[in-house]
Amino acid sequence: MKLSKFGQRMTRTSGISELMADLGEALAGDAGMRMLGGGNPAYIPEVQQRFREEMQRILGTAGAFERMIGNYDTPQGNRGFIEALAALLNRELGWPVKSANIALTNGSQSAFFTLFNLFAGECADGSYRKILLPVTPEYIGYADVGLTEDFFRARRPLIEQLDAHTFKYHLDFKGVEVPGDVGAICVSRPTNPTGNVLTDDEVAHLSELARRHDVPLILDNAYGLPFPDIIFTEAQPVWNERTIICMSLSKLGLPSARTGIVIASEEIIRAVCEMNGILALAPGTFGAALTTELVRSGEIMALSREVVKPFYQEKVRWALEVVRREFEGVDYRVHKPEGAIFLWFWFPGLPISSRELYERLKRRKVLVVGGHYFFPGLTEEWRHKQECIRVTYSQDKQVVAEGLRIIAEEVKRAFSEG
């Protein structure tokens, strides 16, 4: 089979495709696999009940179900959902957002493919522009969406040791510069994989850098504000026309609906819509139709604040208790979990690579994600990249507890064998 450069690039093994393949195969065939690797949200009974009630309302409304499954939306996405979201953001956050500032995509991953390739890659004048990741580690799904090689610039974080087993990454204000070949700046908040939440000052600093260099700042809010609000520290939602906000319905509890949300200037939204039309004709309707009334009423905010956030806060508190018990005697660090649904482990001096640790754990039916995948664009040698793993705590408590126990055993074995 003779492939184009695009074909070769998009069919080679990537971290995100390997992760999703492992998850899919385990869910389909191996009931004993402990799924601590993916970003699948928990099944929260109260949230699922509201979705069930909304589906029943749609089924009971004449013509609503038929329209949901039988009609294309426009390339911008479901108009009723978009209008309801614009009104919510104006009412609740004071953002001067109109319907023309919002577009839907088939999941956040599609949004990043579109946005990154709008602002980076080969330009009309023959130059190349890149996406700046001002603090790594960053989301595994960014790494392979670029249509050209050498697509990212990235920076190492500052590391603050909070106590014997807890640390936090910070933006290195002195180290973050915006070279002339940068087309956009991107950060996730809270960060996948670490649960780090950039402070309001850090976001303001990045926003000023973006303004000064006339490039957009892309804020990935898949776990953040204003919903699903899986943030456990103080943080303010921000938007202006130089900022692109990317949101999702996945972590609210609808990952299979593949509904991404882009909030940006009208010019950028028009570009996203054109690409939607070419790549997918239109975004899917299901997720938007199922949640339009929750958005219109503002219930989506209350559901996030009063159900989703407390659920994960209690879950991470419990998970850290298990870590303290099972990892006794291990030289470990865990990033302060300020949001999202992961624990980010750092094992200083780990004598094997994170890939080898992943393979050992997989053989013992525990799926995690090796930390080396989360540093796209950081080409410098840094042993830290091989000393970390990402673990989700969103799954059943018994599964998480067993998985953490096995991880601790394998790390102890790695250190004892040298």
Protein backbone atom coordinates (compact mmCIF):
# COMPACT_ATOMS: atom_id res chain seq x y z
CA MET A 1 0.00 0.00 0.00
CA LYS A 2 1.49 3.31 -1.09
CA LEU A 3 0.57 6.05 1.34
CA SER A 4 0.84 9.81 1.11
CA LYS A 5 2.82 11.73 3.70
CA PHE A 6 -0.50 12.45 5.38
CA GLY A 7 -1.37 8.75 5.32
CA GLN A 8 1.98 7.75 6.74
CA ARG A 9 1.73 10.32 9.50
CA MET A 10 -1.83 9.50 10.50
CA THR A 11 -1.39 5.70 10.46
CA ARG A 12 1.78 5.38 12.47
CA THR A 13 1.54 4.25 16.07
CA SER A 14 0.70 7.11 18.43
CA GLY A 15 0.25 7.35 22.16
CA ILE A 16 -3.42 8.28 21.93
CA SER A 17 -4.31 5.50 19.47
CA GLU A 18 -2.43 2.94 21.56
CA LEU A 19 -4.25 4.11 24.68
CA MET A 20 -7.68 3.93 23.06
CA ALA A 21 -6.93 0.53 21.49
CA ASP A 22 -5.86 -0.88 24.86
CA LEU A 23 -8.99 0.46 26.50
CA GLY A 24 -11.30 -0.81 23.77
CA GLU A 25 -9.78 -4.28 23.70
CA ALA A 26 -9.90 -4.56 27.49
CA LEU A 27 -13.53 -3.44 27.67
CA ALA A 28 -14.51 -5.81 24.87
CA GLY A 29 -12.65 -8.91 25.95
CA ASP A 30 -10.84 -8.94 29.28
CA ALA A 31 -13.18 -8.52 32.21
CA GLY A 32 -10.27 -8.82 34.64
CA MET A 33 -8.34 -5.81 33.33
CA ARG A 34 -8.18 -2.93 35.78
CA MET A 35 -8.84 0.17 33.68
CA LEU A 36 -6.71 2.88 35.27
CA GLY A 37 -5.33 4.31 32.06
CA GLY A 38 -8.05 6.12 30.15
CA GLY A 39 -10.00 9.30 30.65
CA ASN A 40 -13.42 7.67 30.85
CA PRO A 41 -15.51 9.51 33.42
CA ALA A 42 -17.22 7.70 36.25
CA TYR A 43 -20.80 6.53 36.08
CA ILE A 44 -22.39 9.03 38.46
CA PRO A 45 -25.94 7.81 39.24
CA GLU A 46 -27.51 11.28 39.66
CA VAL A 47 -26.02 12.51 36.38
CA GLN A 48 -27.03 9.42 34.44
CA GLN A 49 -30.55 9.69 35.86
CA ARG A 50 -30.87 13.26 34.52
CA PHE A 51 -29.71 12.13 31.08
CA ARG A 52 -32.22 9.28 31.21
CA GLU A 53 -34.99 11.75 32.11
CA GLU A 54 -34.00 14.05 29.26
CA MET A 55 -34.04 11.14 26.83
CA GLN A 56 -37.51 10.18 28.05
CA ARG A 57 -38.65 13.78 27.58
CA ILE A 58 -37.33 13.76 24.01
CA LEU A 59 -39.01 10.41 23.30
CA GLY A 60 -42.27 11.75 24.69
CA THR A 61 -42.24 14.97 22.64
CA ALA A 62 -43.81 14.64 19.22
CA GLY A 63 -41.16 14.88 16.52
CA ALA A 64 -38.23 15.54 18.89
CA PHE A 65 -36.64 12.10 18.62
CA GLU A 66 -37.11 12.07 14.83
CA ARG A 67 -35.39 15.45 14.50
CA MET A 68 -32.54 14.35 16.78
CA ILE A 69 -31.66 11.28 14.73
CA GLY A 70 -32.98 12.24 11.30
CA ASN A 71 -31.72 15.75 10.50
CA TYR A 72 -28.29 17.20 9.77
CA ASP A 73 -27.36 20.26 11.78
CA THR A 74 -25.42 23.09 10.15
CA PRO A 75 -21.60 22.92 10.17
CA GLN A 76 -21.75 25.20 13.23
CA GLY A 77 -23.75 22.64 15.19
CA ASN A 78 -27.14 22.44 16.86
CA ARG A 79 -28.62 25.92 16.88
CA GLY A 80 -30.84 25.46 19.92
CA PHE A 81 -27.92 24.28 22.03
CA ILE A 82 -25.65 27.07 20.80
CA GLU A 83 -28.22 29.79 21.53
CA ALA A 84 -28.87 28.34 24.99
CA LEU A 85 -25.13 28.19 25.75
CA ALA A 86 -24.52 31.78 24.59
CA ALA A 87 -27.34 32.97 26.88
CA LEU A 88 -25.97 30.91 29.80
CA LEU A 89 -22.44 32.30 29.43
CA ASN A 90 -23.78 35.86 29.29
CA ARG A 91 -26.07 35.37 32.26
CA GLU A 92 -23.81 33.36 34.56
CA LEU A 93 -20.30 34.59 33.66
CA GLY A 94 -20.89 37.96 32.02
CA TRP A 95 -19.05 36.88 28.88
CA PRO A 96 -20.03 38.97 25.81
CA VAL A 97 -20.66 35.81 23.79
CA LYS A 98 -23.11 35.59 20.88
CA SER A 99 -24.18 32.51 18.97
CA ALA A 100 -21.67 33.50 16.29
CA ASN A 101 -18.88 32.96 18.87
CA ILE A 102 -19.68 29.25 19.37
CA ALA A 103 -19.23 26.15 17.22
CA LEU A 104 -19.60 22.47 18.02
CA THR A 105 -17.26 19.70 16.88
CA ASN A 106 -17.28 15.92 17.01
CA GLY A 107 -15.44 15.84 20.32
CA SER A 108 -12.57 17.93 21.66
CA GLN A 109 -10.01 15.87 19.75
CA SER A 110 -11.56 17.05 16.48
CA ALA A 111 -11.51 20.61 17.76
CA PHE A 112 -7.79 20.46 18.44
CA PHE A 113 -7.04 18.92 15.05
CA THR A 114 -8.91 21.82 13.46
CA LEU A 115 -7.51 24.61 15.63
CA PHE A 116 -3.89 23.46 15.74
CA ASN A 117 -3.74 23.06 11.98
CA LEU A 118 -5.42 26.43 11.45
CA PHE A 119 -2.62 28.19 13.30
CA ALA A 120 0.45 25.98 12.81
CA GLY A 121 2.18 24.03 10.07
CA GLU A 122 3.25 25.21 6.64
CA CYS A 123 2.12 28.76 5.88
CA ALA A 124 1.31 30.38 2.54
CA ASP A 125 4.69 32.17 2.48
CA GLY A 126 6.58 28.89 2.92
CA SER A 127 7.37 29.42 6.61
CA TYR A 128 6.38 27.05 9.38
CA ARG A 129 4.58 27.93 12.58
CA LYS A 130 4.24 25.88 15.77
CA ILE A 131 1.98 25.43 18.77
CA LEU A 132 3.59 26.54 22.03
CA LEU A 133 2.91 24.38 25.08
CA PRO A 134 4.22 26.70 27.81
CA VAL A 135 4.21 24.06 30.55
CA THR A 136 4.57 20.31 30.16
CA PRO A 137 3.49 17.59 30.82
CA GLU A 138 0.41 18.14 28.65
CA TYR A 139 -2.44 16.15 27.14
CA ILE A 140 -1.42 13.01 25.23
CA GLY A 141 -3.98 13.72 22.50
CA TYR A 142 -2.20 16.85 21.31
CA ALA A 143 0.95 15.05 20.27
CA ASP A 144 -0.04 13.66 16.88
CA VAL A 145 -2.71 15.97 15.48
CA GLY A 146 -0.31 18.16 13.49
CA LEU A 147 -0.06 17.66 9.74
CA THR A 148 3.65 18.43 9.75
CA GLU A 149 6.62 17.25 11.75
CA ASP A 150 8.22 19.34 14.51
CA PHE A 151 4.81 20.81 15.28
CA PHE A 152 5.28 21.90 18.91
CA ARG A 153 7.48 24.02 21.06
CA ALA A 154 7.31 23.08 24.75
CA ARG A 155 8.77 24.20 28.05
CA ARG A 156 9.69 22.39 31.24
CA PRO A 157 7.82 23.40 34.39
CA LEU A 158 9.16 24.61 37.68
CA ILE A 159 8.63 21.93 40.36
CA GLU A 160 7.55 22.92 43.86
CA GLN A 161 7.91 20.27 46.57
CA LEU A 162 4.90 20.70 48.87
CA ASP A 163 5.65 17.88 51.33
CA ALA A 164 7.46 14.55 51.39
CA HIS A 165 5.14 12.97 48.82
CA THR A 166 3.36 15.89 47.10
CA PHE A 167 4.57 18.33 44.46
CA LYS A 168 3.17 20.86 42.00
CA TYR A 169 4.19 22.10 38.57
CA HIS A 170 4.29 25.84 37.87
CA LEU A 171 4.65 27.93 34.76
CA ASP A 172 8.24 29.15 34.46
CA PHE A 173 7.63 32.84 33.78
CA LYS A 174 11.29 33.46 32.97
CA GLY A 175 11.55 30.47 30.65
CA VAL A 176 8.39 31.03 28.63
CA GLU A 177 9.05 33.09 25.54
CA VAL A 178 7.05 33.32 22.31
CA PRO A 179 9.42 32.98 19.34
CA GLY A 180 8.37 34.34 15.96
CA ASP A 181 7.47 30.90 14.64
CA VAL A 182 4.70 30.34 17.22
CA GLY A 183 1.18 30.40 15.80
CA ALA A 184 -0.79 29.79 19.01
CA ILE A 185 -0.32 29.05 22.72
CA CYS A 186 -2.22 26.15 24.30
CA VAL A 187 -2.73 24.95 27.89
CA SER A 188 -5.23 22.61 29.52
CA ARG A 189 -6.84 23.79 32.78
CA PRO A 190 -7.05 21.60 34.78
CA THR A 191 -4.21 19.81 33.11
CA ASN A 192 -4.54 16.32 31.78
CA PRO A 193 -2.50 14.33 32.96
CA THR A 194 -1.46 15.98 36.23
CA GLY A 195 -4.56 17.63 37.68
CA ASN A 196 -2.60 20.90 37.80
CA VAL A 197 -4.68 24.08 37.66
CA LEU A 198 -2.83 27.13 36.40
CA THR A 199 -3.41 30.05 38.73
CA ASP A 200 -5.35 33.11 37.57
CA ASP A 201 -2.04 35.01 37.50
CA GLU A 202 -0.44 32.36 35.28
CA VAL A 203 -3.39 32.52 32.87
CA ALA A 204 -3.24 36.32 32.85
CA HIS A 205 0.48 36.16 32.07
CA LEU A 206 -0.14 33.81 29.12
CA SER A 207 -2.99 35.99 27.92
CA GLU A 208 -0.70 39.01 27.93
CA LEU A 209 2.00 37.08 26.06
CA ALA A 210 -0.55 36.06 23.45
CA ARG A 211 -1.79 39.65 23.07
CA ARG A 212 1.74 41.02 22.79
CA HIS A 213 2.68 38.55 20.06
CA ASP A 214 -0.70 38.65 18.29
CA VAL A 215 -1.43 34.92 18.59
CA PRO A 216 -4.44 33.20 20.16
CA LEU A 217 -4.39 31.57 23.58
CA ILE A 218 -6.20 28.21 23.51
CA LEU A 219 -7.57 27.11 26.90
CA ASP A 220 -8.59 23.47 27.04
CA ASN A 221 -11.41 23.35 29.60
CA ALA A 222 -12.43 19.71 29.04
CA TYR A 223 -12.44 19.16 32.84
CA GLY A 224 -12.81 22.76 33.87
CA LEU A 225 -14.97 25.84 33.99
CA PRO A 226 -17.79 26.55 33.67
CA PHE A 227 -18.71 22.85 33.34
CA PRO A 228 -18.07 20.04 34.28
CA ASP A 229 -16.20 22.08 36.94
CA ILE A 230 -13.89 19.29 38.13
CA ILE A 231 -11.66 21.86 39.84
CA PHE A 232 -10.80 21.67 43.54
CA THR A 233 -8.99 24.99 43.95
CA GLU A 234 -9.73 28.66 43.33
CA ALA A 235 -9.90 29.52 39.62
CA GLN A 236 -11.81 32.07 37.59
CA PRO A 237 -13.24 31.33 34.12
CA VAL A 238 -11.90 33.78 31.55
CA TRP A 239 -12.69 34.59 27.92
CA ASN A 240 -12.03 37.36 25.45
CA GLU A 241 -11.84 37.47 21.67
CA ARG A 242 -8.11 36.68 21.71
CA THR A 243 -8.83 33.54 23.74
CA ILE A 244 -10.20 30.27 22.37
CA ILE A 245 -12.07 28.17 24.94
CA CYS A 246 -12.46 24.47 24.20
CA MET A 247 -15.05 22.56 26.22
CA SER A 248 -16.71 19.18 26.05
CA LEU A 249 -19.67 17.17 27.27
CA SER A 250 -17.48 14.09 27.75
CA LYS A 251 -16.40 14.56 31.36
CA LEU A 252 -19.90 15.58 32.37
CA GLY A 253 -20.73 11.95 31.57
CA LEU A 254 -21.28 11.81 27.79
CA PRO A 255 -17.98 10.65 26.25
CA SER A 256 -19.67 8.56 23.58
CA ALA A 257 -21.73 11.53 22.37
CA ARG A 258 -18.51 13.16 21.05
CA THR A 259 -19.57 16.76 21.58
CA GLY A 260 -16.85 19.39 21.63
CA ILE A 261 -17.48 23.12 22.07
CA VAL A 262 -15.31 25.96 20.72
CA ILE A 263 -15.81 29.54 21.93
CA ALA A 264 -13.81 32.13 20.00
CA SER A 265 -13.97 35.23 17.84
CA GLU A 266 -16.46 35.19 14.98
CA GLU A 267 -13.61 34.97 12.47
CA ILE A 268 -12.21 31.83 14.08
CA ILE A 269 -15.67 30.28 14.45
CA ARG A 270 -16.31 30.81 10.72
CA ALA A 271 -13.07 28.96 9.98
CA VAL A 272 -14.02 26.09 12.31
CA CYS A 273 -17.41 25.84 10.60
CA GLU A 274 -15.81 25.67 7.15
CA MET A 275 -13.55 22.85 8.30
CA ASN A 276 -16.47 21.07 9.97
CA GLY A 277 -18.31 21.12 6.67
CA ILE A 278 -15.37 19.65 4.79
CA LEU A 279 -14.33 17.05 7.37
CA ALA A 280 -17.69 15.93 8.75
CA LEU A 281 -20.52 17.82 6.99
CA ALA A 282 -21.86 18.70 10.45
CA PRO A 283 -21.25 17.84 14.10
CA GLY A 284 -23.38 15.09 15.60
CA THR A 285 -26.63 16.17 17.22
CA PHE A 286 -27.14 13.66 20.02
CA GLY A 287 -25.13 15.26 22.84
CA ALA A 288 -26.38 18.76 22.12
CA ALA A 289 -30.02 17.66 21.87
CA LEU A 290 -29.78 15.68 25.11
CA THR A 291 -28.39 18.63 27.10
CA THR A 292 -30.03 21.70 25.55
CA GLU A 293 -32.66 22.01 28.28
CA LEU A 294 -30.02 21.55 30.99
CA VAL A 295 -28.05 24.41 29.44
CA ARG A 296 -31.09 26.62 28.85
CA SER A 297 -32.21 26.33 32.47
CA GLY A 298 -28.70 26.60 33.91
CA GLU A 299 -29.07 23.19 35.54
CA ILE A 300 -25.86 22.06 33.87
CA MET A 301 -23.97 24.48 36.13
CA ALA A 302 -25.71 23.29 39.30
CA LEU A 303 -25.26 19.65 38.30
CA SER A 304 -21.54 20.24 37.80
CA ARG A 305 -21.09 22.22 41.00
CA GLU A 306 -23.32 20.16 43.32
CA VAL A 307 -22.93 16.61 41.98
CA VAL A 308 -19.96 16.14 39.64
CA LYS A 309 -17.36 18.17 41.55
CA PRO A 310 -18.17 16.71 45.02
CA PHE A 311 -18.19 13.19 43.58
CA TYR A 312 -14.62 13.51 42.31
CA GLN A 313 -13.44 15.45 45.37
CA GLU A 314 -14.48 12.56 47.59
CA LYS A 315 -13.06 10.04 45.11
CA VAL A 316 -9.62 11.64 45.05
CA ARG A 317 -9.56 12.04 48.84
CA TRP A 318 -10.22 8.31 49.18
CA ALA A 319 -7.69 7.41 46.47
CA LEU A 320 -4.94 9.37 48.24
CA GLU A 321 -5.65 7.45 51.43
CA VAL A 322 -5.12 4.21 49.50
CA VAL A 323 -1.89 5.59 48.03
CA ARG A 324 -0.53 6.50 51.45
CA ARG A 325 -1.26 2.99 52.69
CA GLU A 326 -0.07 0.98 49.69
CA PHE A 327 3.00 3.07 48.81
CA GLU A 328 4.52 3.09 52.27
CA GLY A 329 8.25 2.50 51.86
CA VAL A 330 8.27 3.72 48.22
CA ASP A 331 10.05 6.93 47.23
CA TYR A 332 7.11 8.42 45.35
CA ARG A 333 5.62 11.82 44.64
CA VAL A 334 2.07 12.57 43.49
CA HIS A 335 1.12 15.85 41.88
CA LYS A 336 -1.30 17.85 44.01
CA PRO A 337 -4.67 16.89 42.48
CA GLU A 338 -6.29 20.28 41.89
CA GLY A 339 -8.73 19.00 39.28
CA ALA A 340 -9.48 16.47 36.52
CA ILE A 341 -9.73 12.74 37.29
CA PHE A 342 -6.11 11.54 37.46
CA LEU A 343 -3.25 10.95 39.84
CA TRP A 344 0.14 11.79 38.33
CA PHE A 345 2.89 9.74 39.97
CA TRP A 346 6.58 10.60 39.93
CA PHE A 347 9.10 7.99 41.08
CA PRO A 348 12.45 9.82 41.34
CA GLY A 349 15.31 7.60 40.22
CA LEU A 350 13.03 4.89 38.80
CA PRO A 351 15.53 2.39 37.32
CA ILE A 352 13.23 1.35 34.44
CA SER A 353 11.45 3.48 31.86
CA SER A 354 7.81 4.43 32.18
CA ARG A 355 7.19 2.28 29.11
CA GLU A 356 8.67 -0.78 30.83
CA LEU A 357 6.62 -0.07 33.94
CA TYR A 358 3.51 0.16 31.74
CA GLU A 359 4.28 -3.22 30.16
CA ARG A 360 4.89 -4.88 33.54
CA LEU A 361 1.61 -3.52 34.87
CA LYS A 362 -0.28 -4.57 31.75
CA ARG A 363 0.93 -8.14 32.25
CA ARG A 364 -0.60 -7.95 35.73
CA LYS A 365 -3.88 -6.66 34.28
CA VAL A 366 -3.47 -3.02 35.27
CA LEU A 367 -3.67 -0.40 32.53
CA VAL A 368 -1.98 2.96 33.16
CA VAL A 369 -0.34 5.44 30.77
CA GLY A 370 3.40 5.93 30.66
CA GLY A 371 4.48 9.47 31.41
CA HIS A 372 6.78 9.79 28.40
CA TYR A 373 3.75 10.36 26.13
CA PHE A 374 2.84 13.65 27.83
CA PHE A 375 5.76 15.83 26.73
CA PRO A 376 5.08 16.67 23.05
CA GLY A 377 7.60 19.17 21.74
CA LEU A 378 9.99 18.82 24.68
CA THR A 379 12.94 17.36 22.80
CA GLU A 380 15.60 17.89 25.46
CA GLU A 381 16.74 14.96 27.55
CA TRP A 382 15.02 14.94 30.93
CA ARG A 383 14.91 11.78 33.01
CA HIS A 384 11.75 13.04 34.70
CA LYS A 385 9.79 12.09 31.56
CA GLN A 386 10.60 8.42 32.21
CA GLU A 387 9.78 8.50 35.92
CA CYS A 388 6.06 9.31 35.75
CA ILE A 389 2.78 7.55 35.05
CA ARG A 390 -0.85 8.70 34.82
CA VAL A 391 -3.51 6.79 36.77
CA THR A 392 -7.24 7.49 36.73
CA TYR A 393 -9.18 7.27 39.98
CA SER A 394 -12.62 7.57 38.34
CA GLN A 395 -13.36 3.86 38.19
CA ASP A 396 -14.91 1.48 40.75
CA LYS A 397 -13.22 1.73 44.16
CA GLN A 398 -12.28 -1.94 44.28
CA VAL A 399 -10.65 -1.71 40.86
CA VAL A 400 -8.73 1.44 41.80
CA ALA A 401 -7.58 -0.01 45.14
CA GLU A 402 -6.38 -3.25 43.54
CA GLY A 403 -4.64 -1.33 40.77
CA LEU A 404 -2.83 0.98 43.17
CA ARG A 405 -1.68 -2.00 45.24
CA ILE A 406 -0.21 -3.70 42.15
CA ILE A 407 1.45 -0.47 40.97
CA ALA A 408 3.14 -0.13 44.35
CA GLU A 409 4.33 -3.75 44.18
CA GLU A 410 5.81 -3.30 40.70
CA VAL A 411 7.55 -0.05 41.62
CA LYS A 412 9.05 -1.68 44.70
CA ARG A 413 10.20 -4.60 42.53
CA ALA A 414 11.78 -2.26 40.00
CA PHE A 415 13.77 -0.48 42.71
CA SER A 416 14.80 -3.72 44.44
CA GLU A 417 16.10 -5.21 41.18
CA GLY A 418 18.00 -2.03 40.38
